[in-house]
N, C-alpha and C. Protein backbone atom coordinates (compact mmCIF):
# COMPACT_ATOMS: atom_id res chain seq x y z
N MET A 1 -11.25 -10.10 -8.99
CA MET A 1 -9.81 -11.16 -7.79
C MET A 1 -9.32 -9.72 -8.67
N LYS A 2 -7.86 -10.27 -7.80
CA LYS A 2 -6.85 -10.02 -7.58
C LYS A 2 -5.84 -10.54 -8.06
N ILE A 3 -5.22 -11.29 -8.91
CA ILE A 3 -4.58 -12.07 -8.65
C ILE A 3 -2.30 -11.77 -8.86
N ALA A 4 -1.21 -12.35 -8.16
CA ALA A 4 -0.57 -12.59 -8.50
C ALA A 4 -0.50 -13.69 -8.84
N VAL A 5 1.21 -13.39 -9.49
CA VAL A 5 1.93 -14.66 -9.78
C VAL A 5 3.09 -15.62 -9.66
N LEU A 6 3.87 -16.14 -8.86
CA LEU A 6 5.47 -16.12 -8.73
C LEU A 6 5.79 -17.52 -9.64
N VAL A 7 6.50 -17.52 -10.57
CA VAL A 7 7.61 -18.46 -11.69
C VAL A 7 8.65 -18.58 -10.28
N ASN A 8 8.84 -19.93 -10.30
CA ASN A 8 9.97 -20.18 -9.94
C ASN A 8 11.04 -21.34 -10.41
N GLU A 9 10.32 -21.82 -11.77
CA GLU A 9 10.87 -22.68 -12.29
C GLU A 9 11.44 -22.36 -14.07
N GLY A 10 12.28 -22.88 -15.04
CA GLY A 10 12.65 -22.06 -16.28
C GLY A 10 11.38 -23.42 -17.09
N PRO A 11 11.95 -22.45 -18.31
CA PRO A 11 10.87 -23.15 -19.39
C PRO A 11 11.86 -24.35 -19.80
N TYR A 12 11.30 -25.50 -20.10
CA TYR A 12 11.43 -26.32 -20.55
C TYR A 12 12.33 -26.86 -19.99
N THR A 13 11.70 -26.68 -18.60
CA THR A 13 12.80 -27.76 -18.18
C THR A 13 11.48 -28.37 -16.22
N HIS A 14 11.03 -27.72 -16.25
CA HIS A 14 9.35 -27.95 -14.92
C HIS A 14 8.45 -27.68 -15.89
N GLN A 15 7.14 -28.60 -15.58
CA GLN A 15 5.74 -28.13 -16.13
C GLN A 15 5.68 -26.69 -15.66
N ALA A 16 6.23 -25.94 -14.34
CA ALA A 16 5.54 -24.89 -13.34
C ALA A 16 5.29 -23.64 -14.52
N ALA A 17 6.46 -23.20 -15.63
CA ALA A 17 5.87 -22.18 -15.87
C ALA A 17 4.94 -22.39 -17.50
N ASP A 18 4.72 -23.30 -17.63
CA ASP A 18 3.79 -24.00 -18.25
C ASP A 18 2.33 -23.83 -18.08
N SER A 19 2.12 -23.99 -16.75
CA SER A 19 1.25 -24.37 -15.91
C SER A 19 0.26 -22.92 -15.22
N ALA A 20 1.52 -22.51 -15.13
CA ALA A 20 1.54 -20.99 -14.72
C ALA A 20 1.25 -19.84 -15.92
N TYR A 21 1.49 -20.04 -17.15
CA TYR A 21 1.47 -19.65 -18.03
C TYR A 21 -0.23 -19.78 -18.39
N LEU A 22 -0.75 -21.13 -18.26
CA LEU A 22 -1.85 -21.53 -18.52
C LEU A 22 -2.71 -21.52 -17.13
N PHE A 23 -2.23 -21.12 -15.93
CA PHE A 23 -3.16 -21.16 -15.17
C PHE A 23 -3.57 -18.41 -15.65
N CYS A 24 -2.53 -18.27 -15.71
CA CYS A 24 -3.16 -16.46 -16.00
C CYS A 24 -3.99 -16.66 -16.81
N LYS A 25 -4.16 -17.14 -18.37
CA LYS A 25 -4.78 -17.08 -19.06
C LYS A 25 -6.38 -17.39 -18.47
N ALA A 26 -6.44 -18.60 -18.06
CA ALA A 26 -7.47 -18.94 -17.65
C ALA A 26 -8.32 -17.47 -16.28
N ALA A 27 -6.95 -17.21 -15.58
CA ALA A 27 -7.92 -16.09 -14.73
C ALA A 27 -8.02 -15.48 -15.54
N LEU A 28 -7.60 -14.29 -16.55
CA LEU A 28 -8.20 -13.41 -16.96
C LEU A 28 -9.26 -14.11 -18.09
N ALA A 29 -9.70 -15.13 -18.38
CA ALA A 29 -11.20 -15.12 -19.20
C ALA A 29 -11.92 -15.60 -17.93
N LYS A 30 -11.43 -15.65 -16.66
CA LYS A 30 -12.69 -15.17 -16.29
C LYS A 30 -13.08 -14.17 -15.62
N GLY A 31 -12.67 -13.13 -16.00
CA GLY A 31 -12.57 -11.46 -15.42
C GLY A 31 -11.88 -11.70 -14.65
N HIS A 32 -10.86 -12.45 -13.96
CA HIS A 32 -10.16 -12.03 -13.08
C HIS A 32 -8.78 -11.20 -12.65
N GLU A 33 -7.90 -10.20 -12.64
CA GLU A 33 -6.93 -9.88 -12.63
C GLU A 33 -5.91 -10.57 -12.75
N VAL A 34 -4.45 -9.95 -13.06
CA VAL A 34 -3.32 -10.83 -13.07
C VAL A 34 -3.03 -9.63 -12.85
N MET A 35 -2.41 -9.36 -11.62
CA MET A 35 -1.98 -7.56 -12.02
C MET A 35 0.24 -7.86 -12.20
N ARG A 36 0.42 -8.96 -11.67
CA ARG A 36 1.63 -9.27 -11.86
C ARG A 36 2.58 -10.55 -12.33
N VAL A 37 3.44 -11.02 -12.64
CA VAL A 37 3.85 -12.86 -12.52
C VAL A 37 4.97 -11.83 -12.44
N PHE A 38 5.32 -12.19 -10.77
CA PHE A 38 7.08 -12.31 -10.92
C PHE A 38 8.09 -13.49 -11.11
N PHE A 39 9.03 -13.68 -11.61
CA PHE A 39 9.33 -14.90 -12.35
C PHE A 39 10.96 -14.28 -10.71
N TYR A 40 10.99 -15.60 -9.71
CA TYR A 40 12.16 -15.94 -9.32
C TYR A 40 13.02 -17.08 -9.65
N HIS A 41 14.56 -17.38 -9.56
CA HIS A 41 15.25 -18.34 -8.75
C HIS A 41 15.77 -18.64 -10.30
N ASP A 42 14.96 -20.36 -11.24
CA ASP A 42 15.80 -20.58 -12.06
C ASP A 42 14.23 -19.33 -13.07
N GLY A 43 13.60 -19.31 -12.40
CA GLY A 43 11.75 -18.65 -13.05
C GLY A 43 12.46 -17.33 -14.24
N VAL A 44 13.42 -16.68 -13.45
CA VAL A 44 13.82 -15.98 -14.66
C VAL A 44 14.06 -16.13 -15.56
N ASN A 45 14.55 -17.14 -15.79
CA ASN A 45 14.81 -17.29 -17.50
C ASN A 45 13.90 -17.65 -18.85
N ASN A 46 12.68 -17.49 -17.92
CA ASN A 46 11.40 -17.18 -19.19
C ASN A 46 11.10 -15.84 -19.76
N ALA A 47 12.44 -15.53 -18.97
CA ALA A 47 12.34 -13.65 -19.31
C ALA A 47 13.73 -13.86 -20.91
N SER A 48 13.90 -15.01 -21.11
CA SER A 48 15.06 -14.15 -21.79
C SER A 48 14.58 -13.99 -23.69
N ARG A 49 14.69 -12.98 -24.34
CA ARG A 49 14.74 -12.90 -25.77
C ARG A 49 16.23 -14.10 -26.38
N PHE A 50 16.75 -14.96 -26.21
CA PHE A 50 17.61 -15.10 -26.63
C PHE A 50 16.64 -17.36 -26.39
N THR A 51 16.43 -17.16 -26.26
CA THR A 51 15.28 -18.40 -26.27
C THR A 51 14.91 -18.82 -27.71
N GLU A 52 15.61 -20.18 -28.36
CA GLU A 52 15.23 -20.24 -28.58
C GLU A 52 13.97 -21.32 -29.15
N PRO A 53 13.17 -22.09 -29.62
CA PRO A 53 12.69 -23.56 -28.77
C PRO A 53 11.89 -23.85 -30.47
N PRO A 54 12.67 -24.64 -30.97
CA PRO A 54 12.52 -25.55 -32.06
C PRO A 54 10.87 -25.41 -32.50
N GLN A 55 10.73 -25.24 -33.83
CA GLN A 55 9.87 -24.63 -34.26
C GLN A 55 8.34 -25.96 -34.27
N ASP A 56 8.68 -26.92 -34.01
CA ASP A 56 7.42 -27.44 -33.40
C ASP A 56 7.25 -27.61 -32.00
N ASP A 57 7.52 -26.65 -31.49
CA ASP A 57 7.30 -26.28 -29.65
C ASP A 57 7.10 -24.92 -29.32
N ARG A 58 5.89 -25.15 -28.45
CA ARG A 58 6.37 -23.88 -27.77
C ARG A 58 7.04 -23.54 -27.74
N ASN A 59 6.48 -21.89 -28.26
CA ASN A 59 7.55 -20.67 -27.87
C ASN A 59 7.50 -20.35 -26.13
N ILE A 60 7.57 -20.70 -25.20
CA ILE A 60 6.51 -20.09 -24.10
C ILE A 60 7.48 -18.69 -23.60
N VAL A 61 8.09 -17.94 -23.46
CA VAL A 61 8.67 -16.62 -24.36
C VAL A 61 7.69 -16.00 -24.89
N ALA A 62 7.44 -16.39 -25.11
CA ALA A 62 7.15 -15.62 -26.52
C ALA A 62 5.05 -15.49 -25.85
N ARG A 63 5.03 -16.01 -25.83
CA ARG A 63 3.74 -16.43 -24.64
C ARG A 63 3.80 -15.35 -23.59
N TRP A 64 4.34 -15.36 -22.97
CA TRP A 64 4.67 -14.74 -22.17
C TRP A 64 4.16 -13.05 -22.15
N SER A 65 5.66 -13.12 -23.53
CA SER A 65 5.49 -11.37 -23.44
C SER A 65 3.80 -11.49 -24.95
N LYS A 66 2.92 -11.66 -25.08
CA LYS A 66 1.71 -11.85 -25.56
C LYS A 66 0.94 -11.45 -25.01
N LEU A 67 1.39 -12.14 -23.13
CA LEU A 67 -0.16 -11.75 -23.05
C LEU A 67 0.30 -10.79 -21.40
N ALA A 68 1.22 -10.60 -21.45
CA ALA A 68 2.07 -8.56 -20.86
C ALA A 68 1.15 -7.31 -21.87
N VAL A 69 1.57 -7.85 -23.52
CA VAL A 69 0.76 -6.81 -24.24
C VAL A 69 -0.43 -6.33 -24.31
N GLU A 70 -1.57 -8.28 -24.07
CA GLU A 70 -2.20 -7.95 -24.74
C GLU A 70 -4.08 -7.93 -23.55
N HIS A 71 -2.83 -7.98 -22.09
CA HIS A 71 -3.55 -7.81 -21.03
C HIS A 71 -3.64 -7.05 -19.59
N ARG A 72 -1.82 -6.17 -20.29
CA ARG A 72 -1.10 -5.54 -19.33
C ARG A 72 -1.26 -6.17 -18.03
N VAL A 73 -0.34 -7.02 -18.54
CA VAL A 73 -0.04 -7.90 -17.76
C VAL A 73 1.59 -7.34 -16.93
N ASP A 74 2.20 -7.05 -15.87
CA ASP A 74 3.61 -6.60 -14.85
C ASP A 74 4.85 -8.13 -15.04
N LEU A 75 5.38 -8.42 -15.94
CA LEU A 75 5.78 -8.89 -15.94
C LEU A 75 7.72 -8.88 -14.72
N VAL A 76 7.75 -8.86 -13.96
CA VAL A 76 8.76 -8.75 -13.71
C VAL A 76 9.60 -9.92 -13.35
N VAL A 77 10.92 -9.78 -13.48
CA VAL A 77 12.35 -10.41 -13.27
C VAL A 77 12.34 -10.11 -12.61
N CYS A 78 12.76 -11.01 -10.63
CA CYS A 78 14.29 -10.97 -9.67
C CYS A 78 15.45 -10.23 -10.55
N VAL A 79 16.07 -9.35 -10.30
CA VAL A 79 16.90 -8.90 -10.45
C VAL A 79 18.04 -9.73 -10.18
N ALA A 80 18.57 -10.09 -8.71
CA ALA A 80 19.67 -10.58 -8.00
C ALA A 80 18.99 -11.95 -8.72
N ALA A 81 18.25 -13.21 -9.33
CA ALA A 81 18.21 -14.46 -9.51
C ALA A 81 18.53 -14.16 -10.58
N GLY A 82 18.11 -13.13 -11.53
CA GLY A 82 18.68 -12.59 -13.05
C GLY A 82 20.44 -12.53 -13.41
N LEU A 83 20.62 -11.45 -12.53
CA LEU A 83 21.78 -11.63 -12.72
C LEU A 83 23.04 -13.20 -12.90
N ARG A 84 22.45 -13.57 -11.66
CA ARG A 84 22.93 -15.20 -11.06
C ARG A 84 23.28 -15.79 -12.92
N ARG A 85 21.92 -15.33 -13.06
CA ARG A 85 21.94 -16.51 -14.63
C ARG A 85 21.99 -16.04 -15.56
N GLY A 86 22.56 -14.78 -16.38
CA GLY A 86 23.07 -14.22 -16.87
C GLY A 86 21.89 -13.11 -17.69
N ILE A 87 21.13 -13.15 -16.95
CA ILE A 87 19.47 -12.14 -17.57
C ILE A 87 19.66 -10.91 -16.68
N VAL A 88 20.33 -10.16 -18.22
CA VAL A 88 20.26 -8.61 -18.06
C VAL A 88 19.15 -7.50 -18.19
N GLU A 89 18.69 -6.62 -18.41
CA GLU A 89 18.51 -5.58 -19.34
C GLU A 89 18.54 -6.22 -20.63
N GLY A 90 19.31 -5.85 -21.58
CA GLY A 90 19.63 -6.44 -22.85
C GLY A 90 18.91 -7.53 -23.21
N SER A 91 18.93 -8.39 -22.46
CA SER A 91 18.37 -9.52 -22.12
C SER A 91 17.41 -9.86 -22.55
N LEU A 92 16.25 -8.68 -21.55
CA LEU A 92 15.17 -9.09 -21.49
C LEU A 92 13.75 -9.44 -23.14
N ALA A 93 12.96 -10.33 -22.96
CA ALA A 93 12.60 -10.52 -24.17
C ALA A 93 11.35 -9.18 -23.79
N PRO A 94 10.40 -8.73 -25.35
CA PRO A 94 9.33 -7.73 -24.86
C PRO A 94 8.40 -8.28 -23.85
N GLY A 95 8.25 -7.26 -22.54
CA GLY A 95 6.99 -6.87 -22.15
C GLY A 95 7.69 -7.13 -20.63
N PHE A 96 9.12 -8.16 -20.46
CA PHE A 96 9.15 -8.41 -19.73
C PHE A 96 10.42 -6.55 -18.56
N ARG A 97 10.61 -7.02 -17.34
CA ARG A 97 11.20 -6.02 -16.24
C ARG A 97 12.34 -6.27 -15.47
N ILE A 98 12.50 -5.47 -14.81
CA ILE A 98 14.06 -5.95 -13.65
C ILE A 98 13.88 -5.70 -13.11
N ALA A 99 13.52 -5.95 -12.12
CA ALA A 99 13.11 -5.17 -10.31
C ALA A 99 13.91 -6.13 -9.60
N GLY A 100 13.56 -5.71 -8.45
CA GLY A 100 13.82 -6.29 -6.85
C GLY A 100 13.02 -7.59 -6.27
N LEU A 101 13.35 -7.43 -5.62
CA LEU A 101 11.88 -8.38 -4.59
C LEU A 101 10.88 -7.40 -3.33
N GLY A 102 11.07 -5.96 -3.68
CA GLY A 102 10.27 -5.11 -2.70
C GLY A 102 8.67 -5.67 -3.96
N GLN A 103 9.01 -5.40 -5.55
CA GLN A 103 7.74 -5.88 -6.09
C GLN A 103 7.05 -7.52 -5.86
N LEU A 104 7.78 -8.08 -5.34
CA LEU A 104 7.06 -9.87 -5.22
C LEU A 104 5.55 -9.22 -4.09
N ILE A 105 7.13 -8.80 -3.01
CA ILE A 105 6.14 -8.23 -1.29
C ILE A 105 4.37 -7.35 -1.89
N ASP A 106 4.79 -6.01 -2.56
CA ASP A 106 4.06 -4.87 -2.96
C ASP A 106 3.37 -6.20 -3.44
N ALA A 107 3.49 -6.91 -4.34
CA ALA A 107 2.49 -7.95 -5.31
C ALA A 107 1.92 -8.77 -4.16
N GLY A 108 1.88 -9.04 -2.95
CA GLY A 108 2.02 -10.13 -1.87
C GLY A 108 0.66 -9.42 -1.11
N ILE A 109 0.85 -7.70 -0.91
CA ILE A 109 -0.22 -7.29 0.07
C ILE A 109 -1.06 -6.64 -1.00
N LYS A 110 -0.70 -6.03 -2.46
CA LYS A 110 -2.33 -5.36 -2.89
C LYS A 110 -3.23 -6.92 -3.71
N ALA A 111 -2.36 -8.19 -4.02
CA ALA A 111 -3.04 -8.95 -4.57
C ALA A 111 -3.91 -9.91 -3.47
N ASP A 112 -5.82 -10.70 -4.09
CA ASP A 112 -5.69 -11.01 -2.82
C ASP A 112 -5.84 -12.42 -2.79
N ARG A 113 -4.67 -12.91 -4.00
CA ARG A 113 -4.30 -14.21 -3.60
C ARG A 113 -3.02 -14.24 -4.86
N LEU A 114 -2.00 -14.49 -3.87
CA LEU A 114 -0.25 -15.19 -4.55
C LEU A 114 -0.02 -16.33 -4.70
N VAL A 115 -0.40 -17.08 -6.51
CA VAL A 115 -0.04 -18.39 -6.21
C VAL A 115 0.94 -19.00 -7.37
N VAL A 116 1.39 -19.63 -6.19
CA VAL A 116 3.31 -19.78 -6.46
C VAL A 116 3.41 -21.10 -7.67
N PHE A 117 4.20 -20.71 -8.68
CA PHE A 117 4.23 -22.41 -9.37
C PHE A 117 5.89 -22.69 -9.10
N GLY A 118 6.50 -23.63 -9.06
CA GLY A 118 7.26 -24.85 -9.07
C GLY A 118 8.10 -23.87 -7.13
N ASP A 119 8.84 -25.08 -6.91
CA ASP A 119 9.53 -24.88 -5.47
C ASP A 119 10.15 -23.74 -5.31
C-alpha cells in the first residue's frame, strides 16, 4: 500500500510529530511504501537543521532525516508555511526539500491513504 503522511504540528510541542514518525516506521516495517511526508503549518519546524535538543532527549529532526535516507521517503516542507516560520532552503536538515501545496495534492492523488497527524 502507498501511504502519504501530513504532519501539521512541530516537534517537542505536540505528540503529532512523534506519532507520525512512529507510524511511518511501523508502516515501512510491514512492507508498505511511505511515498511522501508533507510538513504543513507548525509541522515545518520538523525540518529545521538548527534544532538542538538536549543530549538525553530524542532528536526528532535527525530521525526524519535518517528515515529519508534509509527508506527514500520524500520529506516535503510547505514553502508558504516555512517562510512564515523562517524555514528556508538554507535552514533545512538533510533529506528535506521545500515545495508547494501541489505536492500534497499529488500525494493525496497517488497514495492509497493519506494519514494526517495534528490539527
